Protein backbone atom coordinates (compact mmCIF):
# COMPACT_ATOMS: atom_id res chain seq x y z
CA MET A 1 2.48 0.59 -16.02
CA TRP A 2 3.29 -0.95 -12.62
CA TYR A 3 2.06 0.22 -9.21
CA VAL A 4 3.34 0.18 -5.65
CA TYR A 5 0.30 0.38 -3.36
CA PHE A 6 -0.41 0.95 0.33
CA LEU A 7 -3.33 -0.76 2.00
CA GLU A 8 -4.56 0.06 5.48
CA LEU A 9 -5.54 -3.16 7.28
CA SER A 10 -8.36 -3.53 9.85
CA ASN A 11 -5.73 -3.50 12.71
CA GLY A 12 -4.30 -0.17 11.53
CA ASP A 13 -1.12 -1.64 9.96
CA VAL A 14 -0.11 -0.78 6.46
CA TYR A 15 0.57 -3.42 3.78
CA VAL A 16 2.82 -2.54 0.86
CA GLY A 17 2.63 -4.50 -2.41
CA SER A 18 3.26 -4.10 -6.17
CA THR A 19 1.29 -5.16 -9.24
CA ASN A 20 0.73 -4.41 -12.88
CA ASP A 21 -3.07 -4.49 -12.46
CA LEU A 22 -4.08 -2.41 -9.48
CA ARG A 23 -7.81 -2.90 -9.63
CA ARG A 24 -7.51 -6.67 -9.88
CA ARG A 25 -5.00 -6.89 -7.11
CA ILE A 26 -7.04 -4.69 -4.65
CA ALA A 27 -10.10 -6.78 -5.45
CA SER A 28 -8.11 -9.93 -4.61
CA HIS A 29 -7.19 -8.44 -1.25
CA GLN A 30 -10.68 -7.30 -0.47
CA GLN A 31 -12.15 -10.74 -1.42
CA GLY A 32 -9.75 -12.61 0.93
CA HIS A 33 -7.68 -14.26 -1.75
CA VAL A 34 -4.33 -12.93 -0.53
CA ILE A 35 -2.95 -14.93 2.40
CA SER A 36 -1.02 -11.97 3.84
CA THR A 37 -4.13 -9.84 4.32
CA ARG A 38 -6.91 -12.46 4.55
CA GLY A 39 -7.27 -12.26 8.33
CA LEU A 40 -7.05 -8.50 8.40
CA LEU A 41 -10.06 -7.48 6.34
CA PRO A 42 -11.44 -5.06 5.44
CA VAL A 43 -8.55 -3.39 3.60
CA VAL A 44 -8.54 0.15 2.34
CA LEU A 45 -6.36 1.51 -0.51
CA ARG A 46 -4.63 4.49 1.10
CA SER A 47 -2.19 5.45 -1.72
CA TYR A 48 -0.28 4.20 -4.72
CA VAL A 49 2.66 5.14 -6.94
CA ALA A 50 2.73 4.46 -10.68
CA VAL A 51 6.08 3.57 -12.24
CA ALA A 52 7.14 2.46 -15.76
CA ASP A 53 8.38 -1.06 -15.16
CA GLU A 54 8.35 -4.03 -12.82
CA GLN A 55 12.01 -3.63 -11.75
CA THR A 56 11.34 -0.17 -10.46
CA ALA A 57 8.19 -1.22 -8.75
CA ARG A 58 9.87 -4.12 -6.94
CA ALA A 59 12.72 -1.86 -5.82
CA LEU A 60 10.29 0.73 -4.54
CA GLU A 61 8.30 -1.92 -2.68
CA ARG A 62 11.47 -3.22 -0.98
CA TYR A 63 12.41 0.38 -0.09
CA PHE A 64 8.97 1.18 1.34
CA LYS A 65 9.22 -1.93 3.56
CA SER A 66 12.54 -0.67 5.05
CA GLY A 67 12.76 1.61 8.06
CA SER A 68 13.58 4.76 6.17
CA GLY A 69 11.04 3.85 3.45
CA LYS A 70 8.32 3.42 6.02
CA ALA A 71 9.11 6.85 7.46
CA PHE A 72 9.11 8.43 3.99
CA ALA A 73 5.75 6.84 3.09
CA ASN A 74 4.19 7.82 6.46
CA LYS A 75 5.24 11.43 5.88
CA ARG A 76 4.47 11.78 2.22
CA PHE A 77 1.68 9.23 1.41
CA LEU A 78 -0.02 8.02 4.49
CA ARG A 79 -0.55 11.11 6.64
CA LYS A 80 -4.14 11.31 8.00
CA ALA A 81 -5.78 14.60 7.32
CA ASP A 82 -5.65 17.06 10.22
CA THR A 83 -9.23 17.39 11.33
CA SER A 84 -8.61 19.67 14.31
CA THR A 85 -9.95 23.26 14.13
CA GLY A 86 -7.43 24.84 16.39
């Protein structure tokens, strides 16, 4: 099983990555072992998608980093819950 994951960084940006061991990879991010996110700790796992193989995961990761992929992810995976009462 492979995963495409979305991390919310301390500055509010979203980082997209892929891995075959989600727990290990998230721990690596949180411990500051990943150069891309090291200066933006803490990171929070916002969502992930599980797929069958690496090729599909890498393709999805590329898509979610594109303009239309970001829009799709924001609409489907990364929406913040509506806390208004009105």
